[in-house]
Amino acid sequence: MGRQVYELRVRGPVPAELLDEIGAEDLGEEPPLTILRTEPTDQPGLHGMLQRLSSLGLVLMEVRTTGPEPYVDDST
């Protein structure tokens, strides 16, 4: 399997300053969840991120795979 983008849904708010610690590229909120979007990663990268979430005491609710943002050619 190649590199994919993952959405990790965790219970409760996650301070924005933890994005680098977790390895997330972006976050969104869908109360009572926080959605963390990763950079493209592989399975070992995902497992490392899950371990970081656990070490920070964050409760993982769901993991989804998503595609990277679609490329838009603005030159036409």
C-alpha atoms as a PDB file:
ATOM      1  CA  MET A   1       0.000   0.000   0.000  1.00  0.00           C
ATOM      2  CA  GLY A   2       1.309   3.460  -0.878  1.00  0.00           C
ATOM      3  CA  ARG A   3       1.157   6.663   1.061  1.00  0.00           C
ATOM      4  CA  GLN A   4      -2.308   7.858   2.053  1.00  0.00           C
ATOM      5  CA  VAL A   5      -3.899  10.715   3.946  1.00  0.00           C
ATOM      6  CA  TYR A   6      -5.755   9.737   7.123  1.00  0.00           C
ATOM      7  CA  GLU A   7      -8.408  11.480   9.191  1.00  0.00           C
ATOM      8  CA  LEU A   8      -8.159  10.608  12.870  1.00  0.00           C
ATOM      9  CA  ARG A   9     -11.199  11.461  14.972  1.00  0.00           C
ATOM     10  CA  VAL A  10     -10.489  11.892  18.661  1.00  0.00           C
ATOM     11  CA  ARG A  11     -12.805  12.672  21.542  1.00  0.00           C
ATOM     12  CA  GLY A  12     -12.824  16.268  22.727  1.00  0.00           C
ATOM     13  CA  PRO A  13     -10.739  19.287  21.785  1.00  0.00           C
ATOM     14  CA  VAL A  14      -7.072  19.072  20.825  1.00  0.00           C
ATOM     15  CA  PRO A  15      -4.915  22.173  21.335  1.00  0.00           C
ATOM     16  CA  ALA A  16      -3.549  23.477  18.024  1.00  0.00           C
ATOM     17  CA  GLU A  17       0.007  23.454  19.403  1.00  0.00           C
ATOM     18  CA  LEU A  18      -0.151  19.642  19.579  1.00  0.00           C
ATOM     19  CA  LEU A  19      -0.435  19.341  15.777  1.00  0.00           C
ATOM     20  CA  ASP A  20       3.345  19.039  15.350  1.00  0.00           C
ATOM     21  CA  GLU A  21       3.658  16.641  18.298  1.00  0.00           C
ATOM     22  CA  ILE A  22       0.978  14.381  16.827  1.00  0.00           C
ATOM     23  CA  GLY A  23       2.191  14.723  13.253  1.00  0.00           C
ATOM     24  CA  ALA A  24      -1.106  16.128  11.982  1.00  0.00           C
ATOM     25  CA  GLU A  25      -1.230  18.609   9.145  1.00  0.00           C
ATOM     26  CA  ASP A  26      -4.616  20.137   9.926  1.00  0.00           C
ATOM     27  CA  LEU A  27      -7.499  19.919  12.361  1.00  0.00           C
ATOM     28  CA  GLY A  28     -11.206  20.529  12.308  1.00  0.00           C
ATOM     29  CA  GLU A  29     -13.949  20.242  14.862  1.00  0.00           C
ATOM     30  CA  GLU A  30     -17.169  18.300  14.742  1.00  0.00           C
ATOM     31  CA  PRO A  31     -18.211  18.480  18.402  1.00  0.00           C
ATOM     32  CA  PRO A  32     -17.690  16.431  20.452  1.00  0.00           C
ATOM     33  CA  LEU A  33     -14.855  15.246  18.168  1.00  0.00           C
ATOM     34  CA  THR A  34     -11.690  16.793  16.789  1.00  0.00           C
ATOM     35  CA  ILE A  35     -10.663  15.663  13.312  1.00  0.00           C
ATOM     36  CA  LEU A  36      -6.918  15.493  12.653  1.00  0.00           C
ATOM     37  CA  ARG A  37      -5.817  15.246   9.021  1.00  0.00           C
ATOM     38  CA  THR A  38      -2.397  13.747   8.427  1.00  0.00           C
ATOM     39  CA  GLU A  39       0.188  14.396   5.799  1.00  0.00           C
ATOM     40  CA  PRO A  40       0.501  11.538   3.301  1.00  0.00           C
ATOM     41  CA  THR A  41       1.948   8.634   5.233  1.00  0.00           C
ATOM     42  CA  ASP A  42       2.325   4.875   5.140  1.00  0.00           C
ATOM     43  CA  GLN A  43       1.244   2.170   7.616  1.00  0.00           C
ATOM     44  CA  PRO A  44       4.299   2.554   9.918  1.00  0.00           C
ATOM     45  CA  GLY A  45       3.707   6.335   9.956  1.00  0.00           C
ATOM     46  CA  LEU A  46       0.073   5.793  10.919  1.00  0.00           C
ATOM     47  CA  HIS A  47       1.056   3.443  13.753  1.00  0.00           C
ATOM     48  CA  GLY A  48       3.550   6.002  15.054  1.00  0.00           C
ATOM     49  CA  MET A  49       0.858   8.680  15.027  1.00  0.00           C
ATOM     50  CA  LEU A  50      -1.550   6.388  16.902  1.00  0.00           C
ATOM     51  CA  GLN A  51       1.121   5.769  19.551  1.00  0.00           C
ATOM     52  CA  ARG A  52       1.635   9.535  19.951  1.00  0.00           C
ATOM     53  CA  LEU A  53      -2.127  10.051  20.388  1.00  0.00           C
ATOM     54  CA  SER A  54      -2.185   7.404  23.095  1.00  0.00           C
ATOM     55  CA  SER A  55       0.864   8.835  24.895  1.00  0.00           C
ATOM     56  CA  LEU A  56      -0.880  12.246  24.986  1.00  0.00           C
ATOM     57  CA  GLY A  57      -3.990  10.696  26.540  1.00  0.00           C
ATOM     58  CA  LEU A  58      -6.202  11.377  23.512  1.00  0.00           C
ATOM     59  CA  VAL A  59      -9.061   8.928  22.917  1.00  0.00           C
ATOM     60  CA  LEU A  60      -9.185   7.691  19.309  1.00  0.00           C
ATOM     61  CA  MET A  61     -12.742   7.238  18.045  1.00  0.00           C
ATOM     62  CA  GLU A  62     -12.263   6.560  14.329  1.00  0.00           C
ATOM     63  CA  VAL A  63      -9.697   6.410  11.513  1.00  0.00           C
ATOM     64  CA  ARG A  64     -10.652   7.121   7.892  1.00  0.00           C
ATOM     65  CA  THR A  65      -8.571   7.103   4.752  1.00  0.00           C
ATOM     66  CA  THR A  66      -8.999  10.024   2.394  1.00  0.00           C
ATOM     67  CA  GLY A  67      -7.418  11.043  -0.841  1.00  0.00           C
ATOM     68  CA  PRO A  68      -5.108  14.004  -1.108  1.00  0.00           C
ATOM     69  CA  GLU A  69      -6.671  17.294  -2.096  1.00  0.00           C
ATOM     70  CA  PRO A  70      -7.552  17.149  -5.801  1.00  0.00           C
ATOM     71  CA  TYR A  71      -5.254  18.989  -8.192  1.00  0.00           C
ATOM     72  CA  VAL A  72      -6.884  21.965  -9.873  1.00  0.00           C
ATOM     73  CA  ASP A  73      -5.259  23.399 -12.994  1.00  0.00           C
ATOM     74  CA  ASP A  74      -5.981  27.147 -12.930  1.00  0.00           C
ATOM     75  CA  SER A  75      -4.082  27.834 -16.138  1.00  0.00           C
ATOM     76  CA  THR A  76      -7.118  27.390 -18.410  1.00  0.00           C
END
